[in-house]
PDB file of N, CA and C in Angstrom:
ATOM      1  N   MET A   1     -15.065   8.113  20.081  1.00  0.00           N
ATOM      2  CA  MET A   1     -13.798   8.272  19.393  1.00  0.00           C
ATOM      3  C   MET A   1     -14.000   7.899  17.927  1.00  0.00           C
ATOM      4  N   SER A   2     -13.513   8.716  17.027  1.00  0.00           N
ATOM      5  CA  SER A   2     -13.699   8.451  15.597  1.00  0.00           C
ATOM      6  C   SER A   2     -12.456   7.817  14.986  1.00  0.00           C
ATOM      7  N   THR A   3     -12.688   7.070  13.921  1.00  0.00           N
ATOM      8  CA  THR A   3     -11.600   6.433  13.194  1.00  0.00           C
ATOM      9  C   THR A   3     -10.999   7.435  12.227  1.00  0.00           C
ATOM     10  N   VAL A   4      -9.675   7.503  12.192  1.00  0.00           N
ATOM     11  CA  VAL A   4      -8.978   8.412  11.278  1.00  0.00           C
ATOM     12  C   VAL A   4      -8.509   7.608  10.073  1.00  0.00           C
ATOM     13  N   VAL A   5      -8.926   8.056   8.885  1.00  0.00           N
ATOM     14  CA  VAL A   5      -8.554   7.398   7.641  1.00  0.00           C
ATOM     15  C   VAL A   5      -7.751   8.382   6.807  1.00  0.00           C
ATOM     16  N   GLN A   6      -6.601   7.966   6.372  1.00  0.00           N
ATOM     17  CA  GLN A   6      -5.724   8.795   5.539  1.00  0.00           C
ATOM     18  C   GLN A   6      -5.698   8.227   4.128  1.00  0.00           C
ATOM     19  N   LYS A   7      -6.112   9.044   3.155  1.00  0.00           N
ATOM     20  CA  LYS A   7      -6.034   8.629   1.755  1.00  0.00           C
ATOM     21  C   LYS A   7      -4.620   8.885   1.257  1.00  0.00           C
ATOM     22  N   ILE A   8      -4.070   7.912   0.542  1.00  0.00           N
ATOM     23  CA  ILE A   8      -2.705   8.030   0.030  1.00  0.00           C
ATOM     24  C   ILE A   8      -2.771   7.993  -1.492  1.00  0.00           C
ATOM     25  N   ARG A   9      -2.459   9.111  -2.097  1.00  0.00           N
ATOM     26  CA  ARG A   9      -2.469   9.190  -3.551  1.00  0.00           C
ATOM     27  C   ARG A   9      -1.216   8.521  -4.090  1.00  0.00           C
ATOM     28  N   MET A  10      -1.412   7.604  -4.998  1.00  0.00           N
ATOM     29  CA  MET A  10      -0.262   6.967  -5.640  1.00  0.00           C
ATOM     30  C   MET A  10       0.181   7.873  -6.776  1.00  0.00           C
ATOM     31  N   VAL A  11       1.461   8.156  -6.826  1.00  0.00           N
ATOM     32  CA  VAL A  11       1.986   9.233  -7.652  1.00  0.00           C
ATOM     33  C   VAL A  11       2.390   8.828  -9.061  1.00  0.00           C
ATOM     34  N   SER A  12       2.237   7.588  -9.404  1.00  0.00           N
ATOM     35  CA  SER A  12       2.710   7.161 -10.714  1.00  0.00           C
ATOM     36  C   SER A  12       1.831   6.053 -11.264  1.00  0.00           C
ATOM     37  N   ASP A  13       1.825   5.945 -12.582  1.00  0.00           N
ATOM     38  CA  ASP A  13       1.156   4.801 -13.194  1.00  0.00           C
ATOM     39  C   ASP A  13       2.152   3.984 -14.020  1.00  0.00           C
ATOM     40  N   THR A  14       3.454   4.130 -13.688  1.00  0.00           N
ATOM     41  CA  THR A  14       4.473   3.328 -14.342  1.00  0.00           C
ATOM     42  C   THR A  14       4.542   1.954 -13.679  1.00  0.00           C
ATOM     43  N   SER A  15       5.249   1.013 -14.272  1.00  0.00           N
ATOM     44  CA  SER A  15       5.264  -0.354 -13.759  1.00  0.00           C
ATOM     45  C   SER A  15       6.141  -0.541 -12.523  1.00  0.00           C
ATOM     46  N   THR A  16       6.931   0.440 -12.166  1.00  0.00           N
ATOM     47  CA  THR A  16       7.737   0.402 -10.955  1.00  0.00           C
ATOM     48  C   THR A  16       7.854   1.823 -10.425  1.00  0.00           C
ATOM     49  N   PHE A  17       7.523   2.013  -9.153  1.00  0.00           N
ATOM     50  CA  PHE A  17       7.697   3.344  -8.571  1.00  0.00           C
ATOM     51  C   PHE A  17       7.826   3.255  -7.065  1.00  0.00           C
ATOM     52  N   THR A  18       8.387   4.301  -6.495  1.00  0.00           N
ATOM     53  CA  THR A  18       8.599   4.417  -5.054  1.00  0.00           C
ATOM     54  C   THR A  18       8.094   5.769  -4.612  1.00  0.00           C
ATOM     55  N   GLN A  19       7.490   5.815  -3.428  1.00  0.00           N
ATOM     56  CA  GLN A  19       7.067   7.096  -2.878  1.00  0.00           C
ATOM     57  C   GLN A  19       7.180   7.067  -1.366  1.00  0.00           C
ATOM     58  N   ASN A  20       7.464   8.231  -0.791  1.00  0.00           N
ATOM     59  CA  ASN A  20       7.546   8.367   0.650  1.00  0.00           C
ATOM     60  C   ASN A  20       6.180   8.771   1.184  1.00  0.00           C
ATOM     61  N   VAL A  21       5.793   8.171   2.321  1.00  0.00           N
ATOM     62  CA  VAL A  21       4.493   8.413   2.924  1.00  0.00           C
ATOM     63  C   VAL A  21       4.696   8.562   4.429  1.00  0.00           C
ATOM     64  N   VAL A  22       4.038   9.550   5.033  1.00  0.00           N
ATOM     65  CA  VAL A  22       4.092   9.729   6.476  1.00  0.00           C
ATOM     66  C   VAL A  22       2.803   9.177   7.070  1.00  0.00           C
ATOM     67  N   LEU A  23       2.951   8.198   7.970  1.00  0.00           N
ATOM     68  CA  LEU A  23       1.814   7.578   8.643  1.00  0.00           C
ATOM     69  C   LEU A  23       2.054   7.641  10.142  1.00  0.00           C
ATOM     70  N   ASP A  24       1.104   8.153  10.876  1.00  0.00           N
ATOM     71  CA  ASP A  24       1.239   8.304  12.330  1.00  0.00           C
ATOM     72  C   ASP A  24       2.536   9.035  12.696  1.00  0.00           C
ATOM     73  N   GLY A  25       2.910  10.021  11.889  1.00  0.00           N
ATOM     74  CA  GLY A  25       4.087  10.834  12.173  1.00  0.00           C
ATOM     75  C   GLY A  25       5.417  10.206  11.815  1.00  0.00           C
ATOM     76  N   VAL A  26       5.416   9.034  11.200  1.00  0.00           N
ATOM     77  CA  VAL A  26       6.648   8.330  10.832  1.00  0.00           C
ATOM     78  C   VAL A  26       6.705   8.203   9.316  1.00  0.00           C
ATOM     79  N   GLU A  27       7.885   8.452   8.749  1.00  0.00           N
ATOM     80  CA  GLU A  27       8.050   8.353   7.291  1.00  0.00           C
ATOM     81  C   GLU A  27       8.387   6.916   6.886  1.00  0.00           C
ATOM     82  N   TYR A  28       7.682   6.462   5.850  1.00  0.00           N
ATOM     83  CA  TYR A  28       7.903   5.137   5.272  1.00  0.00           C
ATOM     84  C   TYR A  28       8.142   5.289   3.777  1.00  0.00           C
ATOM     85  N   VAL A  29       8.795   4.303   3.193  1.00  0.00           N
ATOM     86  CA  VAL A  29       9.017   4.271   1.753  1.00  0.00           C
ATOM     87  C   VAL A  29       8.218   3.100   1.198  1.00  0.00           C
ATOM     88  N   PHE A  30       7.258   3.412   0.336  1.00  0.00           N
ATOM     89  CA  PHE A  30       6.456   2.392  -0.332  1.00  0.00           C
ATOM     90  C   PHE A  30       7.020   2.189  -1.724  1.00  0.00           C
ATOM     91  N   SER A  31       7.273   0.952  -2.083  1.00  0.00           N
ATOM     92  CA  SER A  31       7.747   0.623  -3.423  1.00  0.00           C
ATOM     93  C   SER A  31       6.729  -0.307  -4.068  1.00  0.00           C
ATOM     94  N   PHE A  32       6.392  -0.026  -5.312  1.00  0.00           N
ATOM     95  CA  PHE A  32       5.433  -0.827  -6.062  1.00  0.00           C
ATOM     96  C   PHE A  32       6.107  -1.352  -7.316  1.00  0.00           C
ATOM     97  N   ARG A  33       5.823  -2.615  -7.637  1.00  0.00           N
ATOM     98  CA  ARG A  33       6.429  -3.239  -8.819  1.00  0.00           C
ATOM     99  C   ARG A  33       5.394  -4.143  -9.490  1.00  0.00           C
ATOM    100  N   TRP A  34       5.232  -3.975 -10.792  1.00  0.00           N
ATOM    101  CA  TRP A  34       4.337  -4.823 -11.572  1.00  0.00           C
ATOM    102  C   TRP A  34       5.111  -6.048 -12.019  1.00  0.00           C
ATOM    103  N   ASN A  35       4.537  -7.229 -11.827  1.00  0.00           N
ATOM    104  CA  ASN A  35       5.131  -8.474 -12.294  1.00  0.00           C
ATOM    105  C   ASN A  35       4.273  -8.951 -13.465  1.00  0.00           C
ATOM    106  N   GLY A  36       4.768  -8.765 -14.673  1.00  0.00           N
ATOM    107  CA  GLY A  36       4.028  -9.131 -15.869  1.00  0.00           C
ATOM    108  C   GLY A  36       3.832 -10.619 -16.035  1.00  0.00           C
ATOM    109  N   ARG A  37       4.720 -11.416 -15.476  1.00  0.00           N
ATOM    110  CA  ARG A  37       4.615 -12.865 -15.594  1.00  0.00           C
ATOM    111  C   ARG A  37       3.352 -13.384 -14.920  1.00  0.00           C
ATOM    112  N   VAL A  38       2.993 -12.781 -13.769  1.00  0.00           N
ATOM    113  CA  VAL A  38       1.796 -13.213 -13.049  1.00  0.00           C
ATOM    114  C   VAL A  38       0.679 -12.172 -13.108  1.00  0.00           C
ATOM    115  N   SER A  39       0.933 -11.062 -13.815  1.00  0.00           N
ATOM    116  CA  SER A  39      -0.046  -9.968 -13.966  1.00  0.00           C
ATOM    117  C   SER A  39      -0.568  -9.489 -12.618  1.00  0.00           C
ATOM    118  N   ARG A  40       0.379  -9.156 -11.729  1.00  0.00           N
ATOM    119  CA  ARG A  40       0.035  -8.704 -10.379  1.00  0.00           C
ATOM    120  C   ARG A  40       0.957  -7.594  -9.944  1.00  0.00           C
ATOM    121  N   TRP A  41       0.440  -6.712  -9.080  1.00  0.00           N
ATOM    122  CA  TRP A  41       1.254  -5.719  -8.398  1.00  0.00           C
ATOM    123  C   TRP A  41       1.791  -6.328  -7.107  1.00  0.00           C
ATOM    124  N   PHE A  42       3.013  -5.948  -6.759  1.00  0.00           N
ATOM    125  CA  PHE A  42       3.624  -6.300  -5.488  1.00  0.00           C
ATOM    126  C   PHE A  42       4.141  -5.012  -4.863  1.00  0.00           C
ATOM    127  N   PHE A  43       4.213  -4.973  -3.528  1.00  0.00           N
ATOM    128  CA  PHE A  43       4.726  -3.778  -2.881  1.00  0.00           C
ATOM    129  C   PHE A  43       5.560  -4.161  -1.671  1.00  0.00           C
ATOM    130  N   SER A  44       6.415  -3.224  -1.282  1.00  0.00           N
ATOM    131  CA  SER A  44       7.195  -3.398  -0.060  1.00  0.00           C
ATOM    132  C   SER A  44       7.149  -2.091   0.718  1.00  0.00           C
ATOM    133  N   VAL A  45       7.420  -2.205   2.006  1.00  0.00           N
ATOM    134  CA  VAL A  45       7.468  -1.050   2.888  1.00  0.00           C
ATOM    135  C   VAL A  45       8.856  -1.017   3.499  1.00  0.00           C
ATOM    136  N   GLY A  46       9.469   0.149   3.447  1.00  0.00           N
ATOM    137  CA  GLY A  46      10.797   0.306   4.022  1.00  0.00           C
ATOM    138  C   GLY A  46      10.907   1.586   4.809  1.00  0.00           C
ATOM    139  N   SER A  47      12.045   1.770   5.408  1.00  0.00           N
ATOM    140  CA  SER A  47      12.340   3.018   6.115  1.00  0.00           C
ATOM    141  C   SER A  47      13.206   3.874   5.196  1.00  0.00           C
ATOM    142  N   PRO A  48      13.286   5.175   5.464  1.00  0.00           N
ATOM    143  CA  PRO A  48      14.094   6.050   4.606  1.00  0.00           C
ATOM    144  C   PRO A  48      15.574   5.668   4.536  1.00  0.00           C
ATOM    145  N   ASP A  49      16.081   4.926   5.532  1.00  0.00           N
ATOM    146  CA  ASP A  49      17.488   4.522   5.496  1.00  0.00           C
ATOM    147  C   ASP A  49      17.726   3.265   4.656  1.00  0.00           C
ATOM    148  N   GLY A  50      16.645   2.729   4.047  1.00  0.00           N
ATOM    149  CA  GLY A  50      16.786   1.568   3.169  1.00  0.00           C
ATOM    150  C   GLY A  50      16.453   0.235   3.805  1.00  0.00           C
ATOM    151  N   THR A  51      16.120   0.220   5.077  1.00  0.00           N
ATOM    152  CA  THR A  51      15.755  -1.020   5.753  1.00  0.00           C
ATOM    153  C   THR A  51      14.393  -1.501   5.244  1.00  0.00           C
ATOM    154  N   VAL A  52      14.306  -2.758   4.826  1.00  0.00           N
ATOM    155  CA  VAL A  52      13.038  -3.333   4.381  1.00  0.00           C
ATOM    156  C   VAL A  52      12.266  -3.786   5.621  1.00  0.00           C
ATOM    157  N   LEU A  53      11.047  -3.269   5.774  1.00  0.00           N
ATOM    158  CA  LEU A  53      10.206  -3.608   6.920  1.00  0.00           C
ATOM    159  C   LEU A  53       9.183  -4.686   6.579  1.00  0.00           C
ATOM    160  N   ALA A  54       8.750  -4.697   5.335  1.00  0.00           N
ATOM    161  CA  ALA A  54       7.814  -5.717   4.841  1.00  0.00           C
ATOM    162  C   ALA A  54       8.174  -5.974   3.394  1.00  0.00           C
ATOM    163  N   GLY A  55       8.556  -7.216   3.092  1.00  0.00           N
ATOM    164  CA  GLY A  55       9.010  -7.571   1.752  1.00  0.00           C
ATOM    165  C   GLY A  55       7.905  -7.556   0.723  1.00  0.00           C
ATOM    166  N   TRP A  56       8.206  -7.966  -0.457  1.00  0.00           N
ATOM    167  CA  TRP A  56       7.288  -7.881  -1.591  1.00  0.00           C
ATOM    168  C   TRP A  56       6.035  -8.726  -1.369  1.00  0.00           C
ATOM    169  N   GLN A  57       4.918  -8.035  -1.187  1.00  0.00           N
ATOM    170  CA  GLN A  57       3.616  -8.644  -0.959  1.00  0.00           C
ATOM    171  C   GLN A  57       2.693  -8.368  -2.139  1.00  0.00           C
ATOM    172  N   LYS A  58       1.799  -9.293  -2.438  1.00  0.00           N
ATOM    173  CA  LYS A  58       0.793  -9.053  -3.476  1.00  0.00           C
ATOM    174  C   LYS A  58      -0.131  -7.935  -3.040  1.00  0.00           C
ATOM    175  N   VAL A  59      -0.473  -7.065  -3.979  1.00  0.00           N
ATOM    176  CA  VAL A  59      -1.463  -6.026  -3.720  1.00  0.00           C
ATOM    177  C   VAL A  59      -2.830  -6.636  -4.033  1.00  0.00           C
ATOM    178  N   VAL A  60      -3.613  -6.835  -2.988  1.00  0.00           N
ATOM    179  CA  VAL A  60      -4.918  -7.476  -3.106  1.00  0.00           C
ATOM    180  C   VAL A  60      -5.983  -6.495  -2.631  1.00  0.00           C
ATOM    181  N   ALA A  61      -7.017  -6.304  -3.427  1.00  0.00           N
ATOM    182  CA  ALA A  61      -8.079  -5.362  -3.079  1.00  0.00           C
ATOM    183  C   ALA A  61      -8.867  -5.842  -1.872  1.00  0.00           C
ATOM    184  N   ASP A  62      -9.233  -4.882  -1.028  1.00  0.00           N
ATOM    185  CA  ASP A  62     -10.163  -5.088   0.089  1.00  0.00           C
ATOM    186  C   ASP A  62      -9.657  -6.050   1.162  1.00  0.00           C
ATOM    187  N   VAL A  63      -8.348  -6.161   1.309  1.00  0.00           N
ATOM    188  CA  VAL A  63      -7.728  -6.999   2.334  1.00  0.00           C
ATOM    189  C   VAL A  63      -6.621  -6.171   2.982  1.00  0.00           C
ATOM    190  N   PRO A  64      -6.455  -6.215   4.316  1.00  0.00           N
ATOM    191  CA  PRO A  64      -5.346  -5.470   4.923  1.00  0.00           C
ATOM    192  C   PRO A  64      -4.010  -5.937   4.330  1.00  0.00           C
ATOM    193  N   LEU A  65      -3.264  -5.013   3.767  1.00  0.00           N
ATOM    194  CA  LEU A  65      -2.057  -5.377   3.027  1.00  0.00           C
ATOM    195  C   LEU A  65      -0.911  -5.863   3.911  1.00  0.00           C
ATOM    196  N   LEU A  66      -0.885  -5.444   5.156  1.00  0.00           N
ATOM    197  CA  LEU A  66       0.222  -5.825   6.041  1.00  0.00           C
ATOM    198  C   LEU A  66      -0.225  -6.769   7.149  1.00  0.00           C
ATOM    199  N   GLN A  67      -1.332  -7.468   6.959  1.00  0.00           N
ATOM    200  CA  GLN A  67      -1.905  -8.286   8.028  1.00  0.00           C
ATOM    201  C   GLN A  67      -1.001  -9.426   8.486  1.00  0.00           C
ATOM    202  N   ARG A  68      -0.121  -9.903   7.647  1.00  0.00           N
ATOM    203  CA  ARG A  68       0.710 -11.045   8.049  1.00  0.00           C
ATOM    204  C   ARG A  68       1.963 -10.650   8.811  1.00  0.00           C
ATOM    205  N   TYR A  69       2.192  -9.343   8.962  1.00  0.00           N
ATOM    206  CA  TYR A  69       3.379  -8.870   9.665  1.00  0.00           C
ATOM    207  C   TYR A  69       3.033  -8.437  11.077  1.00  0.00           C
ATOM    208  N   ALA A  70       3.856  -8.817  12.027  1.00  0.00           N
ATOM    209  CA  ALA A  70       3.681  -8.394  13.415  1.00  0.00           C
ATOM    210  C   ALA A  70       5.002  -7.820  13.893  1.00  0.00           C
ATOM    211  N   THR A  71       5.284  -6.608  13.479  1.00  0.00           N
ATOM    212  CA  THR A  71       6.523  -5.961  13.871  1.00  0.00           C
ATOM    213  C   THR A  71       6.239  -4.537  14.301  1.00  0.00           C
ATOM    214  N   GLY A  72       6.927  -4.086  15.293  1.00  0.00           N
ATOM    215  CA  GLY A  72       6.742  -2.733  15.792  1.00  0.00           C
ATOM    216  C   GLY A  72       7.274  -1.666  14.862  1.00  0.00           C
ATOM    217  N   ASP A  73       8.013  -2.067  13.828  1.00  0.00           N
ATOM    218  CA  ASP A  73       8.577  -1.091  12.900  1.00  0.00           C
ATOM    219  C   ASP A  73       7.577  -0.625  11.846  1.00  0.00           C
ATOM    220  N   LEU A  74       6.513  -1.380  11.630  1.00  0.00           N
ATOM    221  CA  LEU A  74       5.502  -1.023  10.641  1.00  0.00           C
ATOM    222  C   LEU A  74       4.464  -0.095  11.260  1.00  0.00           C
ATOM    223  N   PRO A  75       3.694   0.584  10.437  1.00  0.00           N
ATOM    224  CA  PRO A  75       2.636   1.437  10.978  1.00  0.00           C
ATOM    225  C   PRO A  75       1.686   0.608  11.848  1.00  0.00           C
ATOM    226  N   PRO A  76       1.196   1.174  12.957  1.00  0.00           N
ATOM    227  CA  PRO A  76       0.325   0.414  13.856  1.00  0.00           C
ATOM    228  C   PRO A  76      -1.092   0.206  13.325  1.00  0.00           C
ATOM    229  N   GLY A  77      -1.504   0.977  12.329  1.00  0.00           N
ATOM    230  CA  GLY A  77      -2.839   0.842  11.760  1.00  0.00           C
ATOM    231  C   GLY A  77      -2.869  -0.155  10.618  1.00  0.00           C
ATOM    232  N   ASP A  78      -3.957  -0.094   9.847  1.00  0.00           N
ATOM    233  CA  ASP A  78      -4.141  -1.004   8.714  1.00  0.00           C
ATOM    234  C   ASP A  78      -4.014  -0.266   7.396  1.00  0.00           C
ATOM    235  N   LEU A  79      -3.359  -0.883   6.442  1.00  0.00           N
ATOM    236  CA  LEU A  79      -3.188  -0.343   5.099  1.00  0.00           C
ATOM    237  C   LEU A  79      -4.048  -1.173   4.148  1.00  0.00           C
ATOM    238  N   TRP A  80      -4.920  -0.508   3.395  1.00  0.00           N
ATOM    239  CA  TRP A  80      -5.863  -1.172   2.498  1.00  0.00           C
ATOM    240  C   TRP A  80      -5.789  -0.549   1.118  1.00  0.00           C
ATOM    241  N   ILE A  81      -6.133  -1.312   0.104  1.00  0.00           N
ATOM    242  CA  ILE A  81      -6.341  -0.750  -1.224  1.00  0.00           C
ATOM    243  C   ILE A  81      -7.747  -1.150  -1.656  1.00  0.00           C
ATOM    244  N   TYR A  82      -8.513  -0.148  -2.079  1.00  0.00           N
ATOM    245  CA  TYR A  82      -9.909  -0.368  -2.456  1.00  0.00           C
ATOM    246  C   TYR A  82     -10.118  -0.121  -3.934  1.00  0.00           C
ATOM    247  N   ASP A  83     -10.993  -0.911  -4.505  1.00  0.00           N
ATOM    248  CA  ASP A  83     -11.438  -0.739  -5.886  1.00  0.00           C
ATOM    249  C   ASP A  83     -12.553   0.305  -5.863  1.00  0.00           C
ATOM    250  N   LEU A  84     -12.304   1.471  -6.452  1.00  0.00           N
ATOM    251  CA  LEU A  84     -13.288   2.547  -6.438  1.00  0.00           C
ATOM    252  C   LEU A  84     -14.541   2.229  -7.243  1.00  0.00           C
ATOM    253  N   GLU A  85     -14.482   1.221  -8.089  1.00  0.00           N
ATOM    254  CA  GLU A  85     -15.668   0.812  -8.836  1.00  0.00           C
ATOM    255  C   GLU A  85     -16.563  -0.097  -7.999  1.00  0.00           C
ATOM    256  N   GLY A  86     -16.078  -0.527  -6.832  1.00  0.00           N
ATOM    257  CA  GLY A  86     -16.899  -1.266  -5.895  1.00  0.00           C
ATOM    258  C   GLY A  86     -17.043  -2.753  -6.137  1.00  0.00           C
ATOM    259  N   ASN A  87     -16.271  -3.317  -7.065  1.00  0.00           N
ATOM    260  CA  ASN A  87     -16.431  -4.750  -7.300  1.00  0.00           C
ATOM    261  C   ASN A  87     -15.280  -5.587  -6.735  1.00  0.00           C
ATOM    262  N   GLY A  88     -14.335  -4.968  -6.025  1.00  0.00           N
ATOM    263  CA  GLY A  88     -13.278  -5.706  -5.346  1.00  0.00           C
ATOM    264  C   GLY A  88     -12.248  -6.353  -6.242  1.00  0.00           C
ATOM    265  N   THR A  89     -12.132  -5.886  -7.468  1.00  0.00           N
ATOM    266  CA  THR A  89     -11.171  -6.453  -8.407  1.00  0.00           C
ATOM    267  C   THR A  89      -9.768  -5.950  -8.091  1.00  0.00           C
ATOM    268  N   ASP A  90      -8.801  -6.868  -8.078  1.00  0.00           N
ATOM    269  CA  ASP A  90      -7.409  -6.480  -7.832  1.00  0.00           C
ATOM    270  C   ASP A  90      -6.926  -5.560  -8.953  1.00  0.00           C
ATOM    271  N   PRO A  91      -5.955  -4.701  -8.652  1.00  0.00           N
ATOM    272  CA  PRO A  91      -5.507  -3.722  -9.643  1.00  0.00           C
ATOM    273  C   PRO A  91      -4.742  -4.341 -10.806  1.00  0.00           C
ATOM    274  N   GLY A  92      -5.020  -3.816 -11.986  1.00  0.00           N
ATOM    275  CA  GLY A  92      -4.262  -4.163 -13.179  1.00  0.00           C
ATOM    276  C   GLY A  92      -3.114  -3.188 -13.359  1.00  0.00           C
ATOM    277  N   LEU A  93      -2.372  -3.334 -14.427  1.00  0.00           N
ATOM    278  CA  LEU A  93      -1.166  -2.549 -14.671  1.00  0.00           C
ATOM    279  C   LEU A  93      -1.389  -1.040 -14.569  1.00  0.00           C
ATOM    280  N   ARG A  94      -2.458  -0.512 -15.098  1.00  0.00           N
ATOM    281  CA  ARG A  94      -2.678   0.938 -15.118  1.00  0.00           C
ATOM    282  C   ARG A  94      -3.732   1.409 -14.113  1.00  0.00           C
ATOM    283  N   ASP A  95      -4.000   0.609 -13.076  1.00  0.00           N
ATOM    284  CA  ASP A  95      -5.086   0.930 -12.153  1.00  0.00           C
ATOM    285  C   ASP A  95      -4.681   1.629 -10.863  1.00  0.00           C
ATOM    286  N   LEU A  96      -3.428   1.557 -10.450  1.00  0.00           N
ATOM    287  CA  LEU A  96      -3.065   2.094  -9.138  1.00  0.00           C
ATOM    288  C   LEU A  96      -3.283   3.595  -9.029  1.00  0.00           C
ATOM    289  N   ALA A  97      -2.987   4.337 -10.057  1.00  0.00           N
ATOM    290  CA  ALA A  97      -3.135   5.792  -9.999  1.00  0.00           C
ATOM    291  C   ALA A  97      -4.511   6.242 -10.470  1.00  0.00           C
ATOM    292  N   GLY A  98      -5.443   5.322 -10.623  1.00  0.00           N
ATOM    293  CA  GLY A  98      -6.766   5.689 -11.095  1.00  0.00           C
ATOM    294  C   GLY A  98      -7.877   4.984 -10.357  1.00  0.00           C
ATOM    295  N   ARG A  99      -8.126   3.741 -10.694  1.00  0.00           N
ATOM    296  CA  ARG A  99      -9.272   2.988 -10.190  1.00  0.00           C
ATOM    297  C   ARG A  99      -9.131   2.566  -8.733  1.00  0.00           C
ATOM    298  N   MET A 100      -7.931   2.567  -8.192  1.00  0.00           N
ATOM    299  CA  MET A 100      -7.694   2.091  -6.832  1.00  0.00           C
ATOM    300  C   MET A 100      -7.428   3.244  -5.888  1.00  0.00           C
ATOM    301  N   LEU A 101      -7.769   3.040  -4.632  1.00  0.00           N
ATOM    302  CA  LEU A 101      -7.510   4.024  -3.582  1.00  0.00           C
ATOM    303  C   LEU A 101      -6.771   3.320  -2.451  1.00  0.00           C
ATOM    304  N   LEU A 102      -5.588   3.826  -2.127  1.00  0.00           N
ATOM    305  CA  LEU A 102      -4.801   3.300  -1.013  1.00  0.00           C
ATOM    306  C   LEU A 102      -5.164   4.121   0.224  1.00  0.00           C
ATOM    307  N   VAL A 103      -5.529   3.441   1.299  1.00  0.00           N
ATOM    308  CA  VAL A 103      -5.897   4.147   2.517  1.00  0.00           C
ATOM    309  C   VAL A 103      -5.184   3.531   3.718  1.00  0.00           C
ATOM    310  N   TYR A 104      -4.964   4.384   4.705  1.00  0.00           N
ATOM    311  CA  TYR A 104      -4.391   3.951   5.964  1.00  0.00           C
ATOM    312  C   TYR A 104      -5.409   4.263   7.058  1.00  0.00           C
ATOM    313  N   VAL A 105      -5.771   3.251   7.826  1.00  0.00           N
ATOM    314  CA  VAL A 105      -6.709   3.422   8.934  1.00  0.00           C
ATOM    315  C   VAL A 105      -5.892   3.366  10.214  1.00  0.00           C
ATOM    316  N   GLU A 106      -5.835   4.503  10.915  1.00  0.00           N
ATOM    317  CA  GLU A 106      -5.039   4.558  12.133  1.00  0.00           C
ATOM    318  C   GLU A 106      -5.565   3.591  13.177  1.00  0.00           C
ATOM    319  N   ALA A 107      -4.654   3.066  13.996  1.00  0.00           N
ATOM    320  CA  ALA A 107      -5.040   2.161  15.071  1.00  0.00           C
ATOM    321  C   ALA A 107      -5.886   2.917  16.076  1.00  0.00           C
ATOM    322  N   ALA A 108      -6.854   2.236  16.670  1.00  0.00           N
ATOM    323  CA  ALA A 108      -7.762   2.872  17.642  1.00  0.00           C
ATOM    324  C   ALA A 108      -7.048   3.175  18.929  1.00  0.00           C
TER     325      ALA A 108
END
């Protein structure tokens, strides 16, 4: 059995954006927000009806982004963001739509 990996293109390089993503046949709303005070990206996952499924979490490279949540409402697989330059550096303000790759690894 092979692992299915879905690449998710981030559609904006602005400091705040939202995009809809279908994972395992279910639509989710990803929201990204830059916090200039701490120089970090944060994101949340919601449903199309506005329900927040995972609150504002730090976007950290090479770590499962939703690992601390155990809810059946979230995608069953793992969501990761990778540094395409290979050094594991967390994304800066203008990196999400360029240097970083958001991927979803379906559950086995």
